[in-house]
N, C-alpha and C. Protein backbone atom coordinates (compact mmCIF):
# COMPACT_ATOMS: atom_id res chain seq x y z
N MET A 1 84.86 82.65 75.37
CA MET A 1 85.03 84.22 76.06
C MET A 1 83.83 86.01 75.38
N ASP A 2 84.42 85.60 73.62
CA ASP A 2 84.31 86.91 73.78
C ASP A 2 82.82 87.15 73.96
N ARG A 3 81.73 86.26 74.33
CA ARG A 3 80.00 86.67 75.13
C ARG A 3 80.40 87.86 76.49
N PHE A 4 81.99 87.48 77.45
CA PHE A 4 81.97 88.05 78.11
C PHE A 4 82.28 89.61 78.07
N VAL A 5 82.96 89.82 76.91
CA VAL A 5 83.65 90.92 77.01
C VAL A 5 82.55 92.07 75.71
N ILE A 6 82.46 93.71 76.27
CA ILE A 6 81.62 94.25 75.89
C ILE A 6 82.17 95.33 75.15
N ARG A 7 81.41 95.32 73.81
CA ARG A 7 82.89 95.96 72.06
C ARG A 7 82.67 98.22 72.42
N LYS A 8 81.02 97.89 72.21
CA LYS A 8 80.38 98.84 72.23
C LYS A 8 79.15 98.95 73.43
N ARG A 9 78.78 100.22 74.29
CA ARG A 9 77.80 99.84 75.12
C ARG A 9 75.76 100.58 73.91
N PRO A 10 75.65 99.59 73.95
CA PRO A 10 74.69 100.10 73.24
C PRO A 10 73.86 100.63 74.16
N ALA A 11 72.65 101.74 73.57
CA ALA A 11 71.70 102.44 74.16
C ALA A 11 71.12 101.42 74.77
N PRO A 12 70.30 101.56 75.93
CA PRO A 12 69.38 100.84 76.09
C PRO A 12 67.99 100.68 75.74
N PRO A 13 67.15 99.52 74.76
CA PRO A 13 65.98 99.23 74.89
C PRO A 13 64.96 99.41 75.13
N GLU A 14 63.67 100.56 74.92
CA GLU A 14 62.72 100.83 75.61
C GLU A 14 61.74 99.61 74.77
N GLU A 15 61.15 98.71 76.38
CA GLU A 15 60.73 97.42 75.32
C GLU A 15 58.34 97.82 75.90
N GLU A 16 58.07 97.73 75.16
CA GLU A 16 56.54 97.85 75.24
C GLU A 16 56.12 96.69 76.00
N HIS A 17 55.44 96.88 77.66
CA HIS A 17 54.59 95.86 78.17
C HIS A 17 53.00 96.44 78.53
N GLU A 18 52.23 95.23 77.87
CA GLU A 18 51.14 95.29 77.56
C GLU A 18 49.98 95.23 79.04
N THR A 19 49.52 95.37 79.49
CA THR A 19 48.58 95.29 80.01
C THR A 19 47.39 95.18 80.44
N SER A 20 46.48 95.01 80.62
CA SER A 20 44.45 95.47 80.25
C SER A 20 44.11 95.36 81.40
N SER A 21 43.05 96.65 81.21
CA SER A 21 42.70 97.37 82.16
C SER A 21 41.40 97.03 82.31
N ASP A 22 40.32 97.19 83.37
CA ASP A 22 39.31 96.75 83.09
C ASP A 22 37.82 97.00 82.10
N SER A 23 37.99 98.29 81.14
CA SER A 23 36.99 98.11 80.59
C SER A 23 37.90 96.89 79.13
N GLY A 24 38.88 96.19 79.33
CA GLY A 24 39.59 95.25 78.10
C GLY A 24 40.08 95.45 76.40
N ARG A 25 40.08 97.01 76.53
CA ARG A 25 40.92 97.52 76.45
C ARG A 25 42.94 97.43 76.81
N SER A 26 43.80 96.93 75.81
CA SER A 26 45.17 96.84 75.86
C SER A 26 45.91 98.19 76.06
N GLU A 27 46.74 98.47 77.31
CA GLU A 27 47.92 99.14 76.76
C GLU A 27 48.94 99.30 77.59
N THR A 28 49.56 100.03 76.41
CA THR A 28 51.23 100.14 76.68
C THR A 28 51.84 100.68 77.32
N HIS A 29 53.14 100.42 77.85
CA HIS A 29 53.48 101.12 79.11
C HIS A 29 55.38 100.60 78.59
N PRO A 30 56.00 101.86 78.87
CA PRO A 30 57.30 101.75 77.69
C PRO A 30 58.08 101.18 79.77
N VAL A 31 59.48 100.26 79.53
CA VAL A 31 60.08 99.77 80.19
C VAL A 31 61.11 99.70 80.02
N LYS A 32 62.25 100.17 80.90
CA LYS A 32 63.97 100.78 80.53
C LYS A 32 64.28 99.71 80.82
N GLN A 33 65.23 99.23 80.63
CA GLN A 33 65.98 97.97 81.39
C GLN A 33 67.12 98.48 81.38
N THR A 34 67.73 97.98 83.19
CA THR A 34 68.38 99.11 83.62
C THR A 34 70.56 97.76 83.33
N TRP A 35 71.00 99.37 83.23
CA TRP A 35 72.54 98.47 83.25
C TRP A 35 72.95 97.95 84.46
N ARG A 36 73.31 97.02 84.71
CA ARG A 36 74.34 96.96 86.43
C ARG A 36 75.83 97.98 86.23
N LYS A 37 75.84 98.06 87.42
CA LYS A 37 76.69 99.61 88.13
C LYS A 37 78.03 98.83 88.62
N PHE A 38 79.36 99.12 87.93
CA PHE A 38 80.75 99.30 88.56
C PHE A 38 80.16 99.57 89.54
N ARG A 39 81.07 98.49 91.48
CA ARG A 39 81.03 98.50 92.65
C ARG A 39 82.14 98.68 92.07
N ASN A 40 82.91 99.46 93.44
CA ASN A 40 84.14 99.61 94.54
C ASN A 40 84.66 98.63 95.28
N ASP A 41 84.28 97.66 95.43
CA ASP A 41 84.56 96.96 96.59
C ASP A 41 85.23 95.22 95.44
N TRP A 42 84.55 95.49 94.13
CA TRP A 42 85.46 94.62 93.23
C TRP A 42 87.25 94.75 93.19
N LEU A 43 87.65 96.28 92.94
CA LEU A 43 88.91 96.81 93.08
C LEU A 43 89.96 96.02 94.38
N SER A 44 88.87 95.63 95.55
CA SER A 44 89.93 95.18 96.14
C SER A 44 89.77 94.01 95.87
N ARG A 45 89.09 93.63 95.64
CA ARG A 45 88.36 91.92 95.22
C ARG A 45 89.65 91.29 93.67
N PHE A 46 90.18 92.11 92.88
CA PHE A 46 91.27 92.07 91.92
C PHE A 46 91.68 92.74 90.91
N SER A 47 93.48 92.60 91.98
CA SER A 47 94.04 94.04 91.73
C SER A 47 94.11 94.22 89.89
N TRP A 48 93.67 93.50 89.06
CA TRP A 48 93.36 94.13 87.66
C TRP A 48 92.59 95.04 86.89
N LEU A 49 91.86 94.42 87.59
CA LEU A 49 90.61 95.55 87.46
C LEU A 49 90.24 96.49 87.56
N ARG A 50 89.39 97.74 86.80
CA ARG A 50 89.45 98.82 86.55
C ARG A 50 88.82 99.43 86.42
N ASN A 51 88.09 100.82 87.04
CA ASN A 51 86.82 101.73 86.33
C ASN A 51 87.34 102.50 85.64
N LYS A 52 86.36 102.44 84.99
CA LYS A 52 86.98 102.96 83.43
C LYS A 52 85.36 103.59 82.98
N ASP A 53 84.53 105.13 83.29
CA ASP A 53 83.45 104.99 82.22
C ASP A 53 82.06 103.93 83.04
N GLY A 54 82.52 104.09 84.13
CA GLY A 54 81.13 102.77 84.49
C GLY A 54 81.02 101.46 84.05
N CYS A 55 82.22 101.25 83.81
CA CYS A 55 82.49 99.96 83.13
C CYS A 55 83.59 98.96 84.15
N SER A 56 83.39 98.21 84.07
CA SER A 56 84.47 97.40 84.40
C SER A 56 85.47 97.08 83.49
N TYR A 57 87.44 97.46 83.54
CA TYR A 57 87.69 96.71 82.39
C TYR A 57 88.90 96.35 83.23
N CYS A 58 89.25 95.93 82.56
CA CYS A 58 90.76 95.00 82.46
C CYS A 58 91.87 95.57 82.06
N ILE A 59 92.58 95.70 82.83
CA ILE A 59 94.43 96.47 82.69
C ILE A 59 94.86 95.25 81.93
N ALA A 60 95.39 94.11 82.46
CA ALA A 60 96.03 93.27 81.85
C ALA A 60 95.51 92.81 80.34
N CYS A 61 94.33 92.60 80.12
CA CYS A 61 93.37 92.61 78.88
C CYS A 61 93.61 93.99 77.63
N ASP A 62 93.57 94.73 78.54
CA ASP A 62 92.89 95.81 77.65
C ASP A 62 91.58 95.30 77.18
N LYS A 63 90.88 95.25 77.24
CA LYS A 63 89.36 94.72 77.77
C LYS A 63 88.21 95.20 78.44
N LYS A 64 87.26 95.74 77.92
CA LYS A 64 86.76 95.97 78.55
C LYS A 64 85.57 95.07 78.79
N LEU A 65 84.72 94.83 80.59
CA LEU A 65 83.75 93.77 80.27
C LEU A 65 82.45 94.12 80.99
N SER A 66 81.79 92.80 81.05
CA SER A 66 80.39 93.34 81.79
C SER A 66 80.24 93.24 83.28
N ASN A 67 80.16 93.74 83.96
CA ASN A 67 78.94 94.76 85.13
C ASN A 67 78.88 93.43 85.97
N HIS A 68 79.13 92.97 85.55
CA HIS A 68 78.84 91.74 85.91
C HIS A 68 79.90 90.56 87.54
N LEU A 69 79.49 90.17 88.19
CA LEU A 69 80.79 89.41 89.28
C LEU A 69 80.47 88.06 88.58
N SER A 70 79.85 87.64 87.73
CA SER A 70 80.47 86.18 88.14
C SER A 70 80.32 85.99 86.34
N PHE A 71 80.90 87.17 85.73
CA PHE A 71 81.21 87.20 84.27
C PHE A 71 83.40 87.63 84.34
N ILE A 72 83.52 88.16 85.56
CA ILE A 72 84.02 89.49 86.05
C ILE A 72 85.20 87.57 86.32
N LYS A 73 84.63 87.22 87.47
CA LYS A 73 84.92 85.73 87.97
C LYS A 73 85.73 84.97 86.52
N LYS A 74 84.35 84.95 85.90
CA LYS A 74 85.27 83.82 84.77
C LYS A 74 86.83 84.63 83.92
N HIS A 75 86.15 85.96 83.91
CA HIS A 75 87.43 86.29 83.21
C HIS A 75 89.04 86.23 83.87
N ASN A 76 88.31 85.81 84.98
CA ASN A 76 89.74 85.70 86.12
C ASN A 76 91.02 84.35 85.78
N VAL A 77 90.21 83.74 85.53
CA VAL A 77 90.18 82.50 85.20
C VAL A 77 90.23 81.79 83.69
N PHE A 78 90.99 82.68 82.62
CA PHE A 78 90.75 82.48 81.64
C PHE A 78 92.67 82.28 81.18
N PRO A 79 92.97 81.02 80.35
CA PRO A 79 94.43 81.16 80.19
C PRO A 79 95.05 82.73 79.85
N ILE A 80 94.19 83.27 78.45
CA ILE A 80 94.55 83.77 78.21
C ILE A 80 94.53 86.22 79.58
N HIS A 81 93.68 85.47 79.99
CA HIS A 81 94.39 86.47 80.52
C HIS A 81 95.25 86.37 81.80
N LYS A 82 95.35 85.15 82.36
CA LYS A 82 96.78 84.93 83.37
C LYS A 82 97.56 85.07 82.56
N GLN A 83 98.08 84.82 81.03
CA GLN A 83 98.99 85.68 80.57
C GLN A 83 99.45 86.97 79.93
N ASN A 84 98.68 87.69 79.81
CA ASN A 84 98.41 88.79 79.70
C ASN A 84 99.33 89.15 81.58
N GLU A 85 97.82 88.94 82.61
CA GLU A 85 98.56 89.14 83.45
C GLU A 85 100.66 89.25 83.73
N GLN A 86 100.89 87.83 83.82
CA GLN A 86 101.86 87.40 83.53
C GLN A 86 103.72 88.64 83.13
N LYS A 87 102.41 88.95 81.75
CA LYS A 87 103.43 90.04 81.09
C LYS A 87 103.79 90.79 81.65
N LYS A 88 102.34 91.30 82.37
CA LYS A 88 102.32 92.64 82.54
C LYS A 88 102.79 92.69 84.29
N LYS A 89 102.97 92.02 84.53
CA LYS A 89 104.60 91.59 85.86
C LYS A 89 105.59 91.76 85.73
N HIS A 90 105.91 91.71 84.50
CA HIS A 90 107.39 91.47 83.95
C HIS A 90 108.07 93.23 82.98
N GLN A 91 107.03 94.17 82.70
CA GLN A 91 106.88 95.41 82.03
C GLN A 91 107.21 95.96 83.37
N ILE A 92 108.23 97.08 83.09
CA ILE A 92 108.85 98.05 83.52
C ILE A 92 107.35 99.07 83.62
N GLN A 93 107.25 100.15 84.64
CA GLN A 93 106.86 100.46 84.75
C GLN A 93 107.07 101.90 84.67
N MET A 94 106.95 103.10 83.17
CA MET A 94 107.40 104.01 83.15
C MET A 94 107.87 104.67 83.57
N ASP A 95 106.92 105.21 84.91
CA ASP A 95 107.29 105.85 85.62
C ASP A 95 109.24 105.40 86.62
N LYS A 96 109.00 103.84 86.98
CA LYS A 96 110.53 103.51 86.66
C LYS A 96 111.70 103.97 86.45
N PHE A 97 111.71 103.54 85.31
CA PHE A 97 112.17 103.08 84.60
C PHE A 97 112.47 105.00 83.56
N LEU A 98 112.12 106.15 83.68
CA LEU A 98 112.40 107.00 84.04
C LEU A 98 112.91 107.91 84.97
N ASP A 99 112.55 107.50 86.07
CA ASP A 99 113.67 107.39 87.27
C ASP A 99 114.59 106.78 87.20
N GLU A 100 115.34 106.04 87.01
CA GLU A 100 116.34 104.99 87.03
C GLU A 100 117.04 106.56 85.52
N GLU A 101 117.06 106.41 84.49
CA GLU A 101 117.35 107.26 83.72
C GLU A 101 117.64 109.08 84.22
N HIS A 102 116.16 108.86 85.16
CA HIS A 102 116.96 110.49 85.84
C HIS A 102 118.23 110.45 86.95
N GLN A 103 118.39 109.27 87.82
CA GLN A 103 119.55 109.24 88.22
C GLN A 103 120.54 108.89 87.78
N GLN A 104 120.46 108.42 86.53
CA GLN A 104 122.23 108.52 85.47
C GLN A 104 122.41 109.24 84.69
N MET A 105 121.38 110.36 84.53
CA MET A 105 121.68 111.41 83.99
C MET A 105 122.20 112.43 85.34
N SER A 106 122.17 112.46 85.58
CA SER A 106 122.34 113.19 86.82
C SER A 106 124.22 112.94 87.63
N LYS A 107 123.99 111.65 87.62
CA LYS A 107 125.60 110.82 87.38
C LYS A 107 126.47 111.84 86.31
N GLN A 108 125.62 111.97 85.57
CA GLN A 108 126.65 112.06 84.73
C GLN A 108 126.93 113.76 84.55
N VAL A 109 126.15 113.83 84.87
CA VAL A 109 126.02 115.99 85.31
C VAL A 109 127.00 115.68 85.94
N HIS A 110 126.70 115.33 87.22
CA HIS A 110 127.75 115.29 88.59
C HIS A 110 129.29 115.21 88.12
N HIS A 111 129.48 113.98 87.45
CA HIS A 111 130.88 113.72 87.20
C HIS A 111 131.22 114.75 86.34
N ALA A 112 130.65 115.02 85.25
CA ALA A 112 130.87 116.60 84.59
C ALA A 112 131.54 116.99 85.16
N GLU A 113 130.83 117.97 86.15
CA GLU A 113 130.83 118.94 86.97
C GLU A 113 132.02 118.75 87.33
N LEU A 114 132.86 117.88 88.12
CA LEU A 114 134.02 118.32 88.74
C LEU A 114 135.10 117.60 87.92
């Protein structure tokens, strides 16, 4: 499971690729490794997924994931992810909590003014 989690994003290594020319000498050319980009259409498929600095981020597990659709699909079926997703559903969101607290406070103020 840890192989799908990205701890830190390392700098892409530059590899040297050898080619031979007509004169028989070999020349080296740097080849850059490309990173996969986050796709916004994944947001509609996975409600727990967010784009965080160009990386896939699971809000249920609070982890960065690799930008590979197959890894994201595998992460979706992990038991620990399912448990974290259920826990997040049962938590009260902060804005709802503060709204209820504000309503109670306004009721108390209203009764105190009467």
